[in-house]
N, C-alpha and C. Protein backbone atom coordinates (compact mmCIF):
# COMPACT_ATOMS: atom_id res chain seq x y z
N MET A 1 109.25 181.20 108.13
CA MET A 1 107.87 181.59 108.38
C MET A 1 107.20 181.24 106.98
N ILE A 2 105.98 180.73 107.10
CA ILE A 2 104.94 180.55 106.01
C ILE A 2 104.41 181.72 105.60
N VAL A 3 104.09 182.57 106.56
CA VAL A 3 103.40 184.01 106.13
C VAL A 3 104.51 185.10 106.98
N ASP A 4 104.48 186.18 106.74
CA ASP A 4 105.38 187.34 107.40
C ASP A 4 104.94 188.54 106.80
N TYR A 5 104.19 189.25 107.56
CA TYR A 5 103.68 190.53 107.19
C TYR A 5 104.03 191.43 108.21
N ASP A 6 104.83 192.71 107.56
CA ASP A 6 105.16 193.93 108.62
C ASP A 6 104.67 195.14 108.14
N LYS A 7 103.82 195.84 108.86
CA LYS A 7 103.50 197.15 108.63
C LYS A 7 102.53 197.19 107.47
N VAL A 8 101.89 196.26 106.96
CA VAL A 8 101.54 196.05 105.85
C VAL A 8 99.85 197.20 105.61
N THR A 9 99.50 197.49 104.83
CA THR A 9 98.18 198.48 104.42
C THR A 9 97.42 197.58 103.34
N VAL A 10 96.18 197.31 103.61
CA VAL A 10 95.57 196.58 102.43
C VAL A 10 94.22 197.53 102.08
N GLU A 11 93.94 197.62 100.66
CA GLU A 11 92.81 198.71 100.32
C GLU A 11 91.99 197.72 99.59
N ARG A 12 90.88 198.40 99.52
CA ARG A 12 90.02 197.88 98.38
C ARG A 12 89.13 198.90 97.85
N ALA A 13 88.88 198.74 96.58
CA ALA A 13 88.57 200.42 95.58
C ALA A 13 88.70 201.40 96.31
N GLY A 14 90.27 201.32 96.37
CA GLY A 14 90.80 202.84 96.94
C GLY A 14 90.62 203.07 98.33
N ARG A 15 89.80 202.31 99.30
CA ARG A 15 89.73 202.77 100.44
C ARG A 15 90.56 201.80 101.58
N VAL A 16 90.91 202.44 102.59
CA VAL A 16 91.95 201.41 103.40
C VAL A 16 90.92 200.80 104.08
N VAL A 17 91.21 199.18 104.29
CA VAL A 17 90.44 198.34 105.03
C VAL A 17 91.44 197.73 106.29
N LEU A 18 92.81 197.70 106.18
CA LEU A 18 93.54 197.56 107.23
C LEU A 18 94.81 198.42 107.07
N LYS A 19 95.34 198.65 108.06
CA LYS A 19 96.61 199.61 107.85
C LYS A 19 97.86 199.08 109.03
N ASN A 20 99.02 199.19 108.89
CA ASN A 20 100.14 198.84 109.51
C ASN A 20 99.87 197.41 110.65
N ILE A 21 99.62 196.43 109.61
CA ILE A 21 99.34 195.15 110.30
C ILE A 21 100.57 194.48 110.24
N SER A 22 100.70 193.69 111.27
CA SER A 22 101.87 192.94 111.22
C SER A 22 101.71 191.65 112.11
N PHE A 23 102.02 190.34 111.35
CA PHE A 23 102.01 189.29 111.88
C PHE A 23 102.66 188.17 111.25
N GLN A 24 102.79 186.97 111.80
CA GLN A 24 103.50 185.74 111.21
C GLN A 24 102.57 184.66 111.52
N ILE A 25 102.62 183.55 110.28
CA ILE A 25 102.13 182.12 110.45
C ILE A 25 103.32 181.20 110.37
N ALA A 26 103.43 180.12 111.25
CA ALA A 26 104.59 179.15 111.22
C ALA A 26 103.88 177.99 110.32
N GLU A 27 104.83 177.11 110.06
CA GLU A 27 104.88 176.12 109.79
C GLU A 27 103.86 175.04 110.42
N GLY A 28 102.75 174.62 110.01
CA GLY A 28 101.67 173.80 111.05
C GLY A 28 101.10 174.67 111.91
N GLU A 29 100.73 175.81 111.89
CA GLU A 29 100.11 176.33 112.70
C GLU A 29 98.70 176.69 112.27
N PHE A 30 97.71 176.77 112.79
CA PHE A 30 96.31 176.92 112.79
C PHE A 30 95.91 178.26 113.52
N CYS A 31 95.05 179.35 112.58
CA CYS A 31 95.09 180.51 112.88
C CYS A 31 93.57 180.64 112.28
N TYR A 32 92.69 181.26 113.51
CA TYR A 32 91.36 182.04 113.12
C TYR A 32 91.60 183.41 112.50
N LEU A 33 91.08 183.94 111.69
CA LEU A 33 90.79 185.14 111.19
C LEU A 33 89.48 185.80 111.53
N THR A 34 89.17 186.62 112.49
CA THR A 34 87.77 186.97 112.89
C THR A 34 87.52 188.32 112.75
N GLY A 35 86.53 189.05 112.56
CA GLY A 35 85.90 190.16 112.50
C GLY A 35 84.59 190.55 111.83
N ARG A 36 84.16 191.64 112.10
CA ARG A 36 82.52 191.60 111.44
C ARG A 36 82.77 191.79 109.67
N VAL A 37 81.36 191.63 109.17
CA VAL A 37 81.55 191.73 107.64
C VAL A 37 82.14 193.05 107.49
N GLY A 38 82.80 193.32 106.36
CA GLY A 38 83.42 194.52 105.99
C GLY A 38 84.86 194.74 106.86
N SER A 39 85.36 194.05 107.61
CA SER A 39 86.63 194.47 108.31
C SER A 39 87.85 194.22 107.86
N GLY A 40 87.84 193.51 106.67
CA GLY A 40 88.70 193.26 105.78
C GLY A 40 89.28 191.92 105.85
N LYS A 41 88.72 191.08 106.42
CA LYS A 41 88.69 189.36 106.47
C LYS A 41 89.37 188.98 105.02
N SER A 42 88.62 189.11 104.32
CA SER A 42 88.63 188.14 102.81
C SER A 42 89.30 189.17 101.78
N SER A 43 89.77 190.61 102.20
CA SER A 43 90.79 191.28 101.67
C SER A 43 92.02 190.82 101.89
N LEU A 44 92.25 190.63 103.37
CA LEU A 44 93.54 190.21 103.70
C LEU A 44 93.85 188.96 103.08
N LEU A 45 92.99 188.05 103.05
CA LEU A 45 93.33 186.51 102.55
C LEU A 45 93.47 186.78 101.06
N LYS A 46 92.78 187.46 100.54
CA LYS A 46 93.36 187.71 99.14
C LYS A 46 94.38 188.27 98.78
N THR A 47 95.07 189.16 99.52
CA THR A 47 96.48 189.58 99.18
C THR A 47 97.50 188.44 99.38
N MET A 48 96.96 187.44 100.24
CA MET A 48 97.95 186.35 100.21
C MET A 48 98.12 185.37 98.97
N TYR A 49 97.02 185.58 98.24
CA TYR A 49 97.06 184.65 97.02
C TYR A 49 97.06 185.72 95.74
N ALA A 50 97.41 187.05 95.96
CA ALA A 50 97.88 187.94 95.04
C ALA A 50 96.69 188.00 94.32
N ASP A 51 95.39 188.17 94.57
CA ASP A 51 94.29 188.31 94.12
C ASP A 51 93.82 190.08 94.32
N VAL A 52 94.32 190.56 95.46
CA VAL A 52 94.33 191.89 95.79
C VAL A 52 95.72 192.46 95.95
N GLU A 53 96.22 193.43 95.41
CA GLU A 53 97.57 194.10 95.55
C GLU A 53 97.66 194.75 96.82
N ILE A 54 99.08 194.77 97.28
CA ILE A 54 99.45 195.21 98.78
C ILE A 54 99.97 196.90 98.25
N PRO A 55 99.30 197.67 98.62
CA PRO A 55 99.98 199.23 97.95
C PRO A 55 101.20 199.54 98.75
N SER A 56 101.21 199.29 100.20
CA SER A 56 102.54 199.61 101.00
C SER A 56 103.00 198.73 102.21
N GLY A 57 103.93 198.62 102.59
CA GLY A 57 104.46 197.58 103.76
C GLY A 57 105.85 197.63 103.67
N ASP A 58 106.41 197.34 105.01
CA ASP A 58 107.74 196.94 105.20
C ASP A 58 108.04 195.85 104.62
N LYS A 59 107.25 194.53 104.86
CA LYS A 59 107.41 193.49 104.39
C LYS A 59 106.21 192.68 104.14
N ALA A 60 106.06 191.83 103.13
CA ALA A 60 104.71 190.97 102.93
C ALA A 60 105.14 189.94 102.10
N GLU A 61 105.23 188.77 102.88
CA GLU A 61 105.95 187.47 102.34
C GLU A 61 104.93 186.29 102.57
N VAL A 62 104.77 185.78 101.52
CA VAL A 62 104.00 184.13 101.86
C VAL A 62 104.52 183.10 100.91
N LEU A 63 105.41 182.18 101.71
CA LEU A 63 105.66 180.81 101.12
C LEU A 63 107.03 181.45 100.44
N GLY A 64 107.70 182.25 100.88
CA GLY A 64 108.82 182.88 100.54
C GLY A 64 109.07 183.98 99.10
N TYR A 65 107.53 184.27 98.90
CA TYR A 65 107.41 185.17 97.66
C TYR A 65 107.24 186.35 98.32
N ASP A 66 107.92 187.46 97.44
CA ASP A 66 107.76 188.91 98.18
C ASP A 66 106.53 189.45 97.45
N LEU A 67 105.46 189.49 98.17
CA LEU A 67 104.29 190.23 97.35
C LEU A 67 104.49 191.44 97.22
N LEU A 68 105.40 192.30 97.71
CA LEU A 68 105.49 193.84 97.33
C LEU A 68 106.07 193.96 96.11
N ASN A 69 106.78 192.90 95.57
CA ASN A 69 107.21 193.06 94.35
C ASN A 69 107.08 191.76 93.27
N LEU A 70 106.02 191.28 93.43
CA LEU A 70 105.69 189.84 92.61
C LEU A 70 105.19 190.21 91.45
N LYS A 71 105.92 189.40 90.37
CA LYS A 71 105.84 189.65 88.83
C LYS A 71 104.35 188.92 88.62
N LYS A 72 103.69 189.31 87.61
CA LYS A 72 102.47 188.53 87.41
C LYS A 72 102.70 187.08 86.99
N LYS A 73 104.02 186.82 86.43
CA LYS A 73 104.21 185.28 86.14
C LYS A 73 104.54 184.46 87.17
N GLN A 74 104.88 184.91 88.34
CA GLN A 74 104.98 184.32 89.41
C GLN A 74 103.88 184.01 90.34
N VAL A 75 102.76 184.56 89.69
CA VAL A 75 101.42 184.47 90.77
C VAL A 75 101.20 182.72 90.57
N PRO A 76 100.99 182.27 89.40
CA PRO A 76 100.28 180.56 89.54
C PRO A 76 101.35 179.90 90.34
N TYR A 77 102.80 180.14 90.46
CA TYR A 77 103.58 179.22 91.41
C TYR A 77 103.33 179.35 92.56
N LEU A 78 103.00 180.85 93.21
CA LEU A 78 102.45 181.14 94.38
C LEU A 78 101.49 180.29 94.82
N ARG A 79 100.40 180.32 94.06
CA ARG A 79 98.95 179.84 94.33
C ARG A 79 99.15 178.22 94.11
N ARG A 80 100.26 177.64 93.44
CA ARG A 80 100.36 176.15 93.37
C ARG A 80 100.81 175.80 94.71
N GLN A 81 101.33 176.42 95.49
CA GLN A 81 102.04 176.04 96.72
C GLN A 81 100.95 176.07 98.02
N MET A 82 99.79 176.65 97.78
CA MET A 82 98.69 176.63 98.88
C MET A 82 97.32 176.19 98.42
N GLY A 83 96.40 176.35 99.27
CA GLY A 83 95.18 175.64 98.84
C GLY A 83 94.15 176.40 99.47
N ILE A 84 93.30 177.02 98.55
CA ILE A 84 92.18 177.98 98.87
C ILE A 84 90.92 177.21 98.81
N VAL A 85 89.92 177.56 100.12
CA VAL A 85 88.90 176.71 100.10
C VAL A 85 87.73 177.98 100.30
N PHE A 86 86.86 178.00 99.34
CA PHE A 86 85.94 178.75 99.66
C PHE A 86 84.40 178.39 100.12
N GLN A 87 83.64 179.44 100.46
CA GLN A 87 82.50 179.21 101.22
C GLN A 87 81.63 178.70 100.15
N ASP A 88 81.73 179.26 98.88
CA ASP A 88 80.58 178.62 97.97
C ASP A 88 81.02 177.54 96.90
N PHE A 89 82.04 176.86 97.66
CA PHE A 89 82.22 175.31 97.04
C PHE A 89 83.49 175.67 95.78
N GLN A 90 82.34 176.35 94.61
CA GLN A 90 83.18 176.42 93.36
C GLN A 90 83.80 175.35 92.79
N LEU A 91 82.94 174.22 92.57
CA LEU A 91 82.86 173.00 92.10
C LEU A 91 82.40 173.08 90.61
N LEU A 92 82.91 172.39 89.65
CA LEU A 92 82.29 172.16 88.45
C LEU A 92 81.13 170.94 88.28
N GLN A 93 80.06 171.72 87.92
CA GLN A 93 78.78 170.94 88.21
C GLN A 93 78.61 169.84 87.32
N ASP A 94 79.41 169.70 86.21
CA ASP A 94 79.16 168.91 85.28
C ASP A 94 79.94 167.71 85.33
N ARG A 95 80.46 167.75 86.16
CA ARG A 95 81.60 166.38 86.27
C ARG A 95 81.74 165.85 87.71
N SER A 96 81.91 164.67 87.91
CA SER A 96 81.91 164.10 89.26
C SER A 96 82.95 164.59 90.07
N ALA A 97 83.19 164.22 91.32
CA ALA A 97 84.31 164.74 92.35
C ALA A 97 85.63 164.33 91.93
N SER A 98 85.88 162.90 91.64
CA SER A 98 87.10 162.88 91.19
C SER A 98 87.32 163.39 89.97
N ALA A 99 86.44 163.72 88.87
CA ALA A 99 86.76 164.57 87.84
C ALA A 99 87.28 165.90 87.84
N ASN A 100 86.55 166.43 88.91
CA ASN A 100 86.94 167.92 89.65
C ASN A 100 88.53 167.89 90.18
N LEU A 101 88.64 167.00 90.62
CA LEU A 101 89.97 166.59 91.12
C LEU A 101 91.11 166.87 89.97
N ARG A 102 90.56 165.61 89.22
CA ARG A 102 91.46 165.50 87.58
C ARG A 102 91.92 166.54 87.10
N PHE A 103 90.57 167.45 86.85
CA PHE A 103 90.96 168.66 86.08
C PHE A 103 91.74 169.75 86.95
N VAL A 104 92.22 169.99 87.97
CA VAL A 104 92.87 170.70 88.70
C VAL A 104 94.33 170.15 88.36
N LEU A 105 94.50 168.90 88.64
CA LEU A 105 96.10 167.96 88.51
C LEU A 105 96.39 168.28 87.22
N GLU A 106 95.39 168.15 86.14
CA GLU A 106 95.98 168.31 84.67
C GLU A 106 96.31 169.78 84.28
N ALA A 107 95.47 170.82 84.96
CA ALA A 107 96.01 172.00 84.83
C ALA A 107 97.26 172.68 85.69
N THR A 108 97.62 171.84 86.63
CA THR A 108 98.88 172.26 87.25
C THR A 108 100.02 171.60 87.02
N GLY A 109 99.78 170.76 85.53
CA GLY A 109 100.78 170.09 85.02
C GLY A 109 101.24 168.69 85.11
N TRP A 110 100.07 167.87 85.95
CA TRP A 110 100.37 166.48 86.19
C TRP A 110 100.15 165.88 84.90
N LYS A 111 100.90 164.81 84.60
CA LYS A 111 100.98 164.13 83.49
C LYS A 111 100.53 162.68 83.26
N SER A 112 101.28 161.99 84.37
CA SER A 112 100.87 160.45 84.39
C SER A 112 99.61 160.08 84.73
N ARG A 113 98.71 159.62 83.92
CA ARG A 113 97.60 159.04 84.37
C ARG A 113 97.39 157.95 85.93
N SER A 114 98.32 157.13 86.20
CA SER A 114 98.29 156.38 87.47
C SER A 114 98.79 157.44 88.64
N ASP A 115 99.51 158.33 88.44
CA ASP A 115 100.10 159.26 89.76
C ASP A 115 98.62 160.05 89.86
N ILE A 116 98.04 160.70 88.85
CA ILE A 116 96.92 161.39 89.12
C ILE A 116 95.88 160.52 89.73
N ASN A 117 95.54 159.43 89.29
CA ASN A 117 94.60 158.63 89.97
C ASN A 117 94.91 158.42 91.58
N ASP A 118 96.41 157.98 91.72
CA ASP A 118 96.84 157.74 93.24
C ASP A 118 96.75 158.96 94.00
N ARG A 119 96.80 160.03 93.43
CA ARG A 119 96.65 161.22 94.24
C ARG A 119 95.30 161.60 94.41
N ILE A 120 94.41 161.63 93.63
CA ILE A 120 92.98 161.57 93.57
C ILE A 120 92.58 160.58 94.71
N ASP A 121 93.00 159.35 95.00
CA ASP A 121 92.57 158.67 95.91
C ASP A 121 93.20 158.85 97.17
N GLN A 122 94.42 159.28 97.71
CA GLN A 122 95.03 160.04 98.57
C GLN A 122 94.37 161.26 99.23
N VAL A 123 93.80 162.06 98.42
CA VAL A 123 93.22 163.24 98.94
C VAL A 123 91.67 163.02 99.07
N LEU A 124 90.95 161.98 98.33
CA LEU A 124 89.93 161.76 99.18
C LEU A 124 89.49 161.06 100.33
N LYS A 125 90.73 159.81 100.22
CA LYS A 125 90.60 159.48 101.68
C LYS A 125 90.91 160.03 102.93
N SER A 126 91.63 161.29 102.43
CA SER A 126 92.41 162.05 103.92
C SER A 126 91.07 162.95 104.17
N VAL A 127 89.82 163.33 103.35
CA VAL A 127 88.78 163.79 104.10
C VAL A 127 87.59 162.96 104.07
N GLY A 128 87.86 161.66 104.03
CA GLY A 128 86.79 160.76 104.28
C GLY A 128 85.77 160.66 103.31
N MET A 129 86.06 160.80 101.78
CA MET A 129 85.21 160.85 100.68
C MET A 129 85.66 160.01 99.78
N GLU A 130 86.44 158.71 99.97
CA GLU A 130 86.92 158.12 98.81
C GLU A 130 85.60 157.07 98.25
N ASN A 131 84.49 157.04 98.74
CA ASN A 131 83.32 156.02 98.71
C ASN A 131 82.52 157.19 97.39
N LYS A 132 82.74 158.39 97.41
CA LYS A 132 81.82 159.39 96.70
C LYS A 132 82.49 159.97 95.58
N ALA A 133 83.69 159.49 95.17
CA ALA A 133 84.61 159.97 93.90
C ALA A 133 83.46 160.00 92.90
N TYR A 134 82.71 159.03 92.35
CA TYR A 134 81.83 158.95 91.58
C TYR A 134 80.73 160.15 91.34
N LYS A 135 80.22 160.60 92.29
CA LYS A 135 79.19 161.63 92.63
C LYS A 135 79.26 162.96 92.05
N HIS A 136 78.22 163.30 91.55
CA HIS A 136 78.39 164.83 90.99
C HIS A 136 78.07 165.83 92.24
N PRO A 137 78.54 167.18 92.09
CA PRO A 137 78.45 168.16 93.01
C PRO A 137 76.85 168.00 93.55
N HIS A 138 75.87 167.97 92.63
CA HIS A 138 74.56 168.22 92.94
C HIS A 138 73.86 166.84 93.74
N GLU A 139 74.43 165.53 93.87
CA GLU A 139 74.35 164.64 94.64
C GLU A 139 75.05 164.46 95.85
N LEU A 140 75.56 165.53 96.38
CA LEU A 140 76.45 165.30 97.68
C LEU A 140 75.59 166.71 98.54
N SER A 141 75.70 166.06 99.84
CA SER A 141 75.47 167.33 100.59
C SER A 141 76.44 168.69 100.51
N GLY A 142 76.01 169.44 101.55
CA GLY A 142 76.85 170.84 101.80
C GLY A 142 78.38 170.53 102.02
N GLY A 143 78.16 169.63 103.32
CA GLY A 143 79.33 169.13 103.84
C GLY A 143 80.34 168.16 103.17
N GLU A 144 79.54 167.48 102.34
CA GLU A 144 80.53 166.73 101.41
C GLU A 144 81.03 167.34 100.31
N GLN A 145 80.35 168.50 99.63
CA GLN A 145 81.16 169.26 98.87
C GLN A 145 82.32 169.98 99.42
N GLN A 146 82.18 170.41 100.72
CA GLN A 146 82.90 171.10 101.16
C GLN A 146 84.12 170.34 101.54
N ARG A 147 84.01 168.94 101.97
CA ARG A 147 85.08 168.01 101.92
C ARG A 147 85.85 167.51 100.82
N ILE A 148 85.16 167.78 99.43
CA ILE A 148 85.66 167.67 98.14
C ILE A 148 86.33 168.89 97.88
N VAL A 149 85.91 169.95 98.19
CA VAL A 149 86.75 171.25 98.04
C VAL A 149 87.89 171.29 99.01
N ILE A 150 88.06 170.75 100.15
CA ILE A 150 89.23 170.58 100.77
C ILE A 150 90.11 169.69 100.34
N ALA A 151 89.57 168.71 99.73
CA ALA A 151 90.35 167.56 99.04
C ALA A 151 91.01 168.17 97.92
N ARG A 152 90.40 169.07 97.23
CA ARG A 152 91.10 169.71 95.93
C ARG A 152 92.12 170.76 96.74
N ALA A 153 92.11 171.36 97.62
CA ALA A 153 93.01 172.33 98.25
C ALA A 153 94.44 171.49 98.45
N LEU A 154 94.05 170.20 98.48
CA LEU A 154 95.46 169.37 99.18
C LEU A 154 95.97 168.54 97.96
N LEU A 155 95.59 168.77 96.99
CA LEU A 155 95.95 168.06 95.62
C LEU A 155 97.67 168.21 95.49
N ASN A 156 97.94 169.50 95.54
CA ASN A 156 99.54 169.82 95.28
C ASN A 156 100.27 169.81 96.59
N SER A 157 99.80 169.22 97.50
CA SER A 157 100.74 169.21 98.87
C SER A 157 100.68 170.61 99.31
N PRO A 158 99.95 171.34 99.50
CA PRO A 158 100.15 172.83 100.04
C PRO A 158 100.88 172.79 101.27
N LYS A 159 101.41 173.93 101.62
CA LYS A 159 102.14 174.23 102.80
C LYS A 159 101.27 175.31 103.54
N LEU A 160 100.33 175.72 102.82
CA LEU A 160 99.24 176.38 103.27
C LEU A 160 98.07 176.63 102.88
N ILE A 161 96.76 176.69 103.78
CA ILE A 161 95.74 176.22 103.17
C ILE A 161 94.80 177.91 103.86
N LEU A 162 94.10 178.36 102.92
CA LEU A 162 93.37 179.54 103.06
C LEU A 162 91.96 179.14 102.97
N ALA A 163 91.24 179.47 104.32
CA ALA A 163 89.82 179.04 104.45
C ALA A 163 88.71 180.16 104.33
N ASP A 164 88.01 180.91 103.51
CA ASP A 164 87.43 181.88 103.85
C ASP A 164 85.80 181.33 104.03
N GLU A 165 85.50 181.59 105.43
CA GLU A 165 84.33 181.15 105.89
C GLU A 165 83.85 179.72 105.47
N PRO A 166 84.69 178.83 105.30
CA PRO A 166 84.21 177.42 104.81
C PRO A 166 83.17 176.67 105.63
N THR A 167 82.75 177.32 106.78
CA THR A 167 81.47 176.50 107.15
C THR A 167 80.35 177.27 107.08
N GLY A 168 80.35 178.68 106.43
CA GLY A 168 79.34 179.43 106.44
C GLY A 168 78.09 179.19 105.98
N ASN A 169 78.00 178.24 104.91
CA ASN A 169 76.82 177.65 104.23
C ASN A 169 76.16 176.40 104.97
N LEU A 170 76.88 175.75 105.95
CA LEU A 170 76.74 174.29 106.51
C LEU A 170 76.22 174.70 107.71
N ASP A 171 75.41 173.32 107.95
CA ASP A 171 74.42 173.27 109.52
C ASP A 171 75.86 173.24 110.56
N PRO A 172 75.51 173.47 111.80
CA PRO A 172 76.54 173.72 112.76
C PRO A 172 77.27 172.18 113.09
N HIS A 173 76.51 171.11 112.86
CA HIS A 173 77.36 169.92 112.95
C HIS A 173 78.39 169.40 112.11
N THR A 174 77.84 169.75 110.73
CA THR A 174 78.71 169.66 109.73
C THR A 174 79.89 170.67 109.58
N GLY A 175 79.49 172.00 110.03
CA GLY A 175 80.53 172.93 110.12
C GLY A 175 81.67 172.24 110.99
N TYR A 176 81.29 171.77 112.43
CA TYR A 176 82.22 171.33 113.27
C TYR A 176 83.03 170.28 112.62
N GLN A 177 82.62 169.40 111.77
CA GLN A 177 83.32 168.37 111.29
C GLN A 177 84.49 168.93 110.49
N ILE A 178 84.00 170.19 109.44
CA ILE A 178 85.11 170.79 108.93
C ILE A 178 85.99 171.29 109.36
N VAL A 179 85.81 171.96 110.52
CA VAL A 179 86.57 172.60 111.33
C VAL A 179 87.61 171.64 112.13
N ASP A 180 86.90 170.49 112.34
CA ASP A 180 87.70 169.52 113.13
C ASP A 180 88.87 168.76 112.22
N LEU A 181 88.52 168.55 110.68
CA LEU A 181 89.38 168.15 109.47
C LEU A 181 90.61 169.31 109.65
N LEU A 182 90.10 170.44 109.51
CA LEU A 182 91.19 171.65 109.12
C LEU A 182 92.29 171.71 110.32
N HIS A 183 91.74 171.38 111.40
CA HIS A 183 92.75 171.46 112.52
C HIS A 183 93.55 170.23 112.39
N ARG A 184 93.17 168.75 112.07
CA ARG A 184 93.93 167.78 112.03
C ARG A 184 94.91 168.08 110.67
N LEU A 185 94.42 168.68 109.58
CA LEU A 185 95.56 168.99 108.50
C LEU A 185 96.65 169.78 109.11
N ALA A 186 96.28 170.73 109.77
CA ALA A 186 97.39 171.74 110.79
C ALA A 186 98.33 170.79 111.49
N ALA A 187 97.57 169.79 112.05
CA ALA A 187 98.74 168.89 113.09
C ALA A 187 99.59 167.82 112.16
N ASP A 188 98.91 167.72 111.04
CA ASP A 188 100.03 167.19 109.85
C ASP A 188 101.00 168.10 109.36
N GLY A 189 100.95 169.37 109.56
CA GLY A 189 101.69 170.11 108.87
C GLY A 189 101.75 171.30 108.46
N THR A 190 100.40 171.37 107.79
CA THR A 190 99.98 172.31 106.86
C THR A 190 99.58 173.65 107.35
N ALA A 191 100.08 174.79 107.39
CA ALA A 191 99.52 175.76 107.91
C ALA A 191 98.08 176.16 107.50
N VAL A 192 97.14 176.66 108.28
CA VAL A 192 95.84 177.24 108.34
C VAL A 192 95.43 178.36 108.87
N LEU A 193 95.05 179.27 107.74
CA LEU A 193 94.40 180.30 108.43
C LEU A 193 92.99 180.31 107.65
N MET A 194 91.94 180.53 108.68
CA MET A 194 90.57 180.36 108.46
C MET A 194 89.75 181.39 109.02
N ALA A 195 89.21 182.36 108.01
CA ALA A 195 88.35 183.30 108.44
C ALA A 195 87.07 182.87 108.74
N THR A 196 86.59 183.37 109.84
CA THR A 196 85.00 182.80 110.22
C THR A 196 84.34 184.15 111.20
N HIS A 197 83.19 183.95 111.33
CA HIS A 197 82.29 184.95 111.95
C HIS A 197 81.97 184.17 113.33
N ASN A 198 82.06 182.99 113.24
CA ASN A 198 81.28 182.00 114.46
C ASN A 198 82.15 181.91 115.49
N LEU A 199 82.20 182.68 116.35
CA LEU A 199 83.04 182.91 117.74
C LEU A 199 82.79 181.50 118.69
N GLN A 200 81.58 180.73 118.36
CA GLN A 200 81.27 179.74 119.20
C GLN A 200 82.06 178.49 118.93
N MET A 201 82.41 178.44 117.59
CA MET A 201 83.44 177.71 117.04
C MET A 201 84.89 177.74 117.36
N VAL A 202 85.14 179.11 117.62
CA VAL A 202 86.31 179.43 117.96
C VAL A 202 86.79 178.90 119.56
N GLU A 203 85.84 179.04 120.15
CA GLU A 203 85.85 178.76 121.49
C GLU A 203 85.77 177.16 121.69
N ASP A 204 85.02 176.30 120.88
CA ASP A 204 85.10 174.93 120.81
C ASP A 204 86.62 174.25 120.48
N PHE A 205 86.89 174.92 119.36
CA PHE A 205 88.29 174.53 118.60
C PHE A 205 89.14 175.55 119.09
N PRO A 206 89.78 175.60 120.29
CA PRO A 206 90.86 176.97 120.39
C PRO A 206 91.82 176.84 119.44
N ALA A 207 92.21 177.86 119.07
CA ALA A 207 93.57 178.37 118.36
C ALA A 207 93.85 179.66 118.46
N ARG A 208 95.05 180.23 117.85
CA ARG A 208 95.45 181.64 117.73
C ARG A 208 94.36 182.24 116.90
N VAL A 209 94.21 183.72 117.52
CA VAL A 209 92.77 184.37 117.07
C VAL A 209 93.75 185.61 116.26
N LEU A 210 93.54 186.04 115.31
CA LEU A 210 93.62 187.05 114.73
C LEU A 210 92.27 188.10 114.41
N HIS A 211 92.29 189.16 115.13
CA HIS A 211 91.23 189.60 114.87
C HIS A 211 91.25 191.15 114.22
N CYS A 212 90.44 191.42 113.17
CA CYS A 212 90.32 193.01 112.12
C CYS A 212 89.13 193.57 113.16
N GLU A 213 89.76 194.61 113.43
CA GLU A 213 88.60 195.80 113.98
C GLU A 213 89.44 197.07 113.80
N ASP A 214 88.27 198.03 113.37
CA ASP A 214 89.07 199.36 113.23
C ASP A 214 90.38 199.64 112.28
N LYS A 215 90.27 198.86 111.21
CA LYS A 215 91.53 198.82 110.40
C LYS A 215 92.77 198.09 110.78
N ALA A 216 92.50 197.60 112.14
CA ALA A 216 93.65 196.97 112.79
C ALA A 216 93.58 195.63 112.71
N LEU A 217 94.73 194.80 112.93
CA LEU A 217 94.69 193.42 113.33
C LEU A 217 95.24 193.12 114.67
N VAL A 218 94.58 192.37 115.42
CA VAL A 218 94.92 192.43 116.75
C VAL A 218 94.81 191.15 117.31
């Protein structure tokens, strides 16, 4: 299993937002995470990349890491095996799309210039942005920036992508293109957990739904 939670409690600022939650996500599975604002969606995602500590649970494993006993020095290695897609892009504005990707590869230990260039070409092609590599974020549309963010998430061949409202700042047509892309990535073997409040999108691109409500996950 890529994700395996059993009777996990999630807290933010000392307040329980989810309790006794149990679920699993298998390799290559696409899941939606739904619920109202404040229901715990983002907090749950943050536990998976060790940005929020888990106070209690019988089991909390992601990519083979035991989150209940995770040492600080292990966190970068956990995060290196996953891709994280944010709603607000978080691209470096002072450099091109390809330079944004190069920055991540160099920061995660890539040394060979030819290997770096090849990997950048591969991920840009996989998201349909191979012809926009030279452009800076402000020269790209919202949908194009989100494609670059997904390319960035794919750089280290993750087994899991966590996407927190990735279509929240996009128009409906562009949002549908991004969700279609994430579904195709799952079909190719990368597990995807996508938080969204867009229930119409869930209906149009059906997949398993994990729903946060009344501090429970159903």
